[in-house]
Amino acid sequence: MPVAKIKLISRNKTDARDIAKQIIEIAKVSGVKYKGPIPLPTKVMDISTRKSPCGDGSHTFEHWQMRIHKWIVQIDGSEQALRQVMRILVPDTVQIEMSLS
């Protein structure tokens, strides 16, 4: 039986966790095997910019940070379970990548 690997990518940790919980609930109700959610390393993007646009004065900087959270959920590829997963309402802050293997 094929395995569906679902990768959730989001800047908002709670939104991605909620989607992962919904996928696991679908797997439990359908009676298929599942693994996850497996957390992947969080990507941290730091940006430092100078506060003064002209370059004169004190050397003060602003620091900005964005974190990208990723999870993987694997479920057996039963057609009924995958159709229900496709019907989940996903917020704009979450990106889903699905692959069958």
N, C-alpha and C. Protein backbone atom coordinates (compact mmCIF):
# COMPACT_ATOMS: atom_id res chain seq x y z
N MET A 1 0.85 -1.18 0.00
CA MET A 1 0.00 0.00 0.00
C MET A 1 0.90 1.24 0.00
N PRO A 2 0.59 2.22 -0.84
CA PRO A 2 1.42 3.43 -0.87
C PRO A 2 1.27 4.24 0.42
N VAL A 3 2.28 5.04 0.69
CA VAL A 3 2.29 5.90 1.87
C VAL A 3 2.26 7.35 1.40
N ALA A 4 1.36 8.14 1.99
CA ALA A 4 1.27 9.56 1.67
C ALA A 4 2.10 10.34 2.69
N LYS A 5 3.05 11.10 2.19
CA LYS A 5 3.89 11.93 3.05
C LYS A 5 3.40 13.37 2.91
N ILE A 6 2.90 13.93 4.00
CA ILE A 6 2.33 15.27 4.01
C ILE A 6 3.26 16.19 4.78
N LYS A 7 3.75 17.23 4.12
CA LYS A 7 4.68 18.17 4.73
C LYS A 7 3.96 19.49 4.95
N LEU A 8 3.95 19.96 6.19
CA LEU A 8 3.29 21.22 6.55
C LEU A 8 4.35 22.28 6.82
N ILE A 9 4.24 23.43 6.17
CA ILE A 9 5.20 24.51 6.32
C ILE A 9 4.43 25.77 6.69
N SER A 10 4.87 26.44 7.77
CA SER A 10 4.14 27.62 8.21
C SER A 10 5.02 28.54 9.05
N ARG A 11 4.70 29.83 9.01
CA ARG A 11 5.35 30.78 9.93
C ARG A 11 4.64 30.77 11.28
N ASN A 12 3.39 30.34 11.29
CA ASN A 12 2.59 30.30 12.51
C ASN A 12 2.53 28.85 13.01
N LYS A 13 3.13 28.60 14.16
CA LYS A 13 3.23 27.24 14.68
C LYS A 13 1.87 26.63 15.00
N THR A 14 0.96 27.39 15.56
CA THR A 14 -0.33 26.84 15.99
C THR A 14 -1.20 26.43 14.80
N ASP A 15 -1.15 27.19 13.72
CA ASP A 15 -1.95 26.84 12.55
C ASP A 15 -1.51 25.50 11.97
N ALA A 16 -0.21 25.29 11.85
CA ALA A 16 0.30 24.04 11.30
C ALA A 16 -0.01 22.87 12.23
N ARG A 17 0.07 23.09 13.53
CA ARG A 17 -0.26 22.03 14.49
C ARG A 17 -1.73 21.64 14.39
N ASP A 18 -2.61 22.62 14.23
CA ASP A 18 -4.03 22.32 14.11
C ASP A 18 -4.32 21.47 12.87
N ILE A 19 -3.67 21.79 11.75
CA ILE A 19 -3.86 21.01 10.52
C ILE A 19 -3.34 19.59 10.72
N ALA A 20 -2.18 19.46 11.39
CA ALA A 20 -1.62 18.12 11.65
C ALA A 20 -2.57 17.30 12.53
N LYS A 21 -3.17 17.93 13.53
CA LYS A 21 -4.13 17.22 14.39
C LYS A 21 -5.35 16.76 13.59
N GLN A 22 -5.82 17.60 12.67
CA GLN A 22 -6.97 17.22 11.84
C GLN A 22 -6.62 16.02 10.96
N ILE A 23 -5.41 15.99 10.40
CA ILE A 23 -4.99 14.88 9.56
C ILE A 23 -4.90 13.59 10.38
N ILE A 24 -4.39 13.68 11.60
CA ILE A 24 -4.29 12.50 12.46
C ILE A 24 -5.67 12.00 12.86
N GLU A 25 -6.60 12.91 13.13
CA GLU A 25 -7.98 12.50 13.46
C GLU A 25 -8.63 11.76 12.28
N ILE A 26 -8.38 12.24 11.07
CA ILE A 26 -8.91 11.56 9.88
C ILE A 26 -8.33 10.16 9.77
N ALA A 27 -7.03 10.03 10.04
CA ALA A 27 -6.38 8.72 9.97
C ALA A 27 -6.94 7.77 11.03
N LYS A 28 -7.20 8.28 12.23
CA LYS A 28 -7.76 7.43 13.30
C LYS A 28 -9.17 6.97 12.95
N VAL A 29 -10.00 7.88 12.45
CA VAL A 29 -11.38 7.53 12.11
C VAL A 29 -11.41 6.54 10.94
N SER A 30 -10.52 6.74 9.97
CA SER A 30 -10.49 5.86 8.80
C SER A 30 -9.86 4.50 9.12
N GLY A 31 -9.12 4.42 10.21
CA GLY A 31 -8.49 3.17 10.59
C GLY A 31 -7.21 2.85 9.84
N VAL A 32 -6.53 3.88 9.32
CA VAL A 32 -5.27 3.65 8.62
C VAL A 32 -4.11 3.97 9.55
N LYS A 33 -2.95 3.38 9.25
CA LYS A 33 -1.76 3.62 10.06
C LYS A 33 -1.21 5.01 9.74
N TYR A 34 -0.64 5.65 10.76
CA TYR A 34 -0.06 6.98 10.58
C TYR A 34 1.18 7.12 11.45
N LYS A 35 2.04 8.05 11.07
CA LYS A 35 3.21 8.42 11.85
C LYS A 35 3.26 9.94 11.90
N GLY A 36 3.57 10.45 13.06
CA GLY A 36 3.76 11.89 13.15
C GLY A 36 2.81 12.54 14.12
N PRO A 37 2.83 13.83 14.18
CA PRO A 37 3.63 14.75 13.38
C PRO A 37 5.10 14.74 13.81
N ILE A 38 5.98 14.66 12.84
CA ILE A 38 7.41 14.64 13.07
C ILE A 38 7.93 16.06 12.82
N PRO A 39 8.48 16.73 13.86
CA PRO A 39 8.98 18.09 13.65
C PRO A 39 10.32 18.07 12.93
N LEU A 40 10.46 18.97 11.98
CA LEU A 40 11.74 19.18 11.30
C LEU A 40 12.39 20.42 11.90
N PRO A 41 13.69 20.61 11.70
CA PRO A 41 14.33 21.80 12.28
C PRO A 41 13.69 23.10 11.81
N THR A 42 13.54 24.03 12.75
CA THR A 42 12.96 25.33 12.45
C THR A 42 14.00 26.21 11.77
N LYS A 43 13.62 26.80 10.65
CA LYS A 43 14.53 27.68 9.93
C LYS A 43 14.34 29.10 10.47
N VAL A 44 15.44 29.70 10.92
CA VAL A 44 15.39 31.04 11.49
C VAL A 44 16.12 31.99 10.54
N MET A 45 15.40 33.01 10.10
CA MET A 45 15.98 34.00 9.19
C MET A 45 16.12 35.32 9.94
N ASP A 46 17.36 35.79 10.10
CA ASP A 46 17.65 37.04 10.80
C ASP A 46 18.05 38.11 9.81
N ILE A 47 17.54 39.32 10.02
CA ILE A 47 17.91 40.47 9.20
C ILE A 47 18.21 41.63 10.15
N SER A 48 19.39 42.22 10.00
CA SER A 48 19.78 43.39 10.78
C SER A 48 19.90 44.57 9.83
N THR A 49 19.26 45.68 10.19
CA THR A 49 19.34 46.88 9.35
C THR A 49 19.74 48.07 10.20
N ARG A 50 20.34 49.03 9.57
CA ARG A 50 20.77 50.25 10.23
C ARG A 50 19.57 51.16 10.44
N LYS A 51 19.42 51.76 11.61
CA LYS A 51 18.29 52.66 11.87
C LYS A 51 18.43 53.99 11.15
N SER A 52 19.64 54.51 11.10
CA SER A 52 19.87 55.82 10.48
C SER A 52 20.09 55.64 8.98
N PRO A 53 19.26 56.29 8.14
CA PRO A 53 19.42 56.11 6.69
C PRO A 53 20.64 56.82 6.11
N CYS A 54 21.11 57.88 6.76
CA CYS A 54 22.20 58.67 6.19
C CYS A 54 23.58 58.16 6.59
N GLY A 55 23.68 57.36 7.62
CA GLY A 55 24.97 56.83 8.05
C GLY A 55 25.66 57.68 9.10
N ASP A 56 25.10 58.85 9.43
CA ASP A 56 25.68 59.70 10.47
C ASP A 56 25.11 59.32 11.82
N GLY A 57 25.79 59.69 12.87
CA GLY A 57 25.28 59.45 14.21
C GLY A 57 25.73 58.11 14.76
N SER A 58 25.01 57.65 15.75
CA SER A 58 25.42 56.41 16.44
C SER A 58 25.09 55.20 15.56
N HIS A 59 25.80 54.15 15.81
CA HIS A 59 25.61 52.90 15.05
C HIS A 59 24.54 52.07 15.75
N THR A 60 23.27 52.32 15.44
CA THR A 60 22.18 51.57 16.04
C THR A 60 21.52 50.72 14.95
N PHE A 61 21.14 49.53 15.34
CA PHE A 61 20.59 48.57 14.39
C PHE A 61 19.24 48.07 14.86
N GLU A 62 18.40 47.70 13.91
CA GLU A 62 17.14 46.99 14.19
C GLU A 62 17.33 45.55 13.76
N HIS A 63 16.82 44.63 14.56
CA HIS A 63 16.95 43.20 14.26
C HIS A 63 15.56 42.62 14.01
N TRP A 64 15.40 41.92 12.88
CA TRP A 64 14.15 41.29 12.51
C TRP A 64 14.39 39.79 12.40
N GLN A 65 13.39 39.02 12.77
CA GLN A 65 13.54 37.57 12.73
C GLN A 65 12.24 36.92 12.26
N MET A 66 12.38 35.93 11.39
CA MET A 66 11.22 35.15 10.94
C MET A 66 11.56 33.68 11.11
N ARG A 67 10.65 32.92 11.71
CA ARG A 67 10.84 31.49 11.91
C ARG A 67 9.89 30.71 11.02
N ILE A 68 10.41 29.67 10.38
CA ILE A 68 9.60 28.82 9.53
C ILE A 68 9.58 27.43 10.14
N HIS A 69 8.39 26.98 10.53
CA HIS A 69 8.20 25.68 11.19
C HIS A 69 7.75 24.65 10.17
N LYS A 70 8.25 23.42 10.31
CA LYS A 70 7.90 22.35 9.38
C LYS A 70 7.58 21.08 10.16
N TRP A 71 6.56 20.36 9.69
CA TRP A 71 6.18 19.06 10.25
C TRP A 71 5.92 18.09 9.11
N ILE A 72 6.11 16.80 9.39
CA ILE A 72 5.77 15.75 8.43
C ILE A 72 4.80 14.80 9.10
N VAL A 73 3.74 14.45 8.37
CA VAL A 73 2.77 13.44 8.81
C VAL A 73 2.70 12.40 7.70
N GLN A 74 2.84 11.12 8.07
CA GLN A 74 2.76 10.05 7.09
C GLN A 74 1.52 9.21 7.39
N ILE A 75 0.70 8.96 6.37
CA ILE A 75 -0.46 8.09 6.53
C ILE A 75 -0.47 7.10 5.37
N ASP A 76 -1.07 5.94 5.62
CA ASP A 76 -1.23 4.98 4.54
C ASP A 76 -2.14 5.57 3.48
N GLY A 77 -1.88 5.24 2.23
CA GLY A 77 -2.56 5.90 1.12
C GLY A 77 -3.90 5.30 0.76
N SER A 78 -4.80 5.14 1.72
CA SER A 78 -6.14 4.69 1.35
C SER A 78 -6.87 5.86 0.68
N GLU A 79 -7.66 5.53 -0.33
CA GLU A 79 -8.32 6.57 -1.12
C GLU A 79 -9.29 7.40 -0.29
N GLN A 80 -10.02 6.73 0.60
CA GLN A 80 -11.01 7.43 1.41
C GLN A 80 -10.34 8.45 2.34
N ALA A 81 -9.24 8.05 2.99
CA ALA A 81 -8.56 8.96 3.91
C ALA A 81 -7.95 10.15 3.17
N LEU A 82 -7.36 9.90 2.01
CA LEU A 82 -6.74 10.99 1.25
C LEU A 82 -7.77 11.98 0.73
N ARG A 83 -8.96 11.49 0.35
CA ARG A 83 -10.02 12.41 -0.09
C ARG A 83 -10.46 13.33 1.05
N GLN A 84 -10.54 12.78 2.27
CA GLN A 84 -10.92 13.61 3.41
C GLN A 84 -9.83 14.61 3.76
N VAL A 85 -8.56 14.21 3.61
CA VAL A 85 -7.46 15.14 3.87
C VAL A 85 -7.51 16.29 2.87
N MET A 86 -7.87 16.01 1.63
CA MET A 86 -7.93 17.06 0.61
C MET A 86 -9.05 18.06 0.88
N ARG A 87 -10.04 17.70 1.70
CA ARG A 87 -11.17 18.58 2.00
C ARG A 87 -10.92 19.50 3.19
N ILE A 88 -9.79 19.36 3.86
CA ILE A 88 -9.49 20.19 5.03
C ILE A 88 -9.33 21.64 4.57
N LEU A 89 -9.96 22.55 5.31
CA LEU A 89 -9.80 23.98 5.03
C LEU A 89 -8.47 24.44 5.62
N VAL A 90 -7.58 24.88 4.75
CA VAL A 90 -6.23 25.26 5.16
C VAL A 90 -6.12 26.78 5.15
N PRO A 91 -5.64 27.39 6.26
CA PRO A 91 -5.47 28.85 6.25
C PRO A 91 -4.34 29.27 5.32
N ASP A 92 -4.30 30.55 4.99
CA ASP A 92 -3.29 31.06 4.07
C ASP A 92 -1.87 30.96 4.64
N THR A 93 -1.75 30.86 5.96
CA THR A 93 -0.43 30.84 6.59
C THR A 93 0.24 29.47 6.51
N VAL A 94 -0.48 28.44 6.06
CA VAL A 94 0.07 27.08 6.01
C VAL A 94 0.19 26.63 4.56
N GLN A 95 1.34 26.06 4.23
CA GLN A 95 1.57 25.50 2.91
C GLN A 95 1.68 23.99 3.06
N ILE A 96 1.02 23.23 2.19
CA ILE A 96 1.02 21.77 2.27
C ILE A 96 1.65 21.19 1.01
N GLU A 97 2.56 20.24 1.22
CA GLU A 97 3.14 19.48 0.12
C GLU A 97 2.81 18.01 0.38
N MET A 98 2.23 17.34 -0.60
CA MET A 98 1.83 15.95 -0.42
C MET A 98 2.48 15.11 -1.52
N SER A 99 3.04 13.96 -1.12
CA SER A 99 3.63 13.05 -2.11
C SER A 99 3.30 11.62 -1.74
N LEU A 100 3.09 10.79 -2.75
CA LEU A 100 2.82 9.37 -2.57
C LEU A 100 4.05 8.58 -2.94
N SER A 101 4.38 7.59 -2.12
CA SER A 101 5.52 6.72 -2.44
C SER A 101 5.22 5.30 -2.07
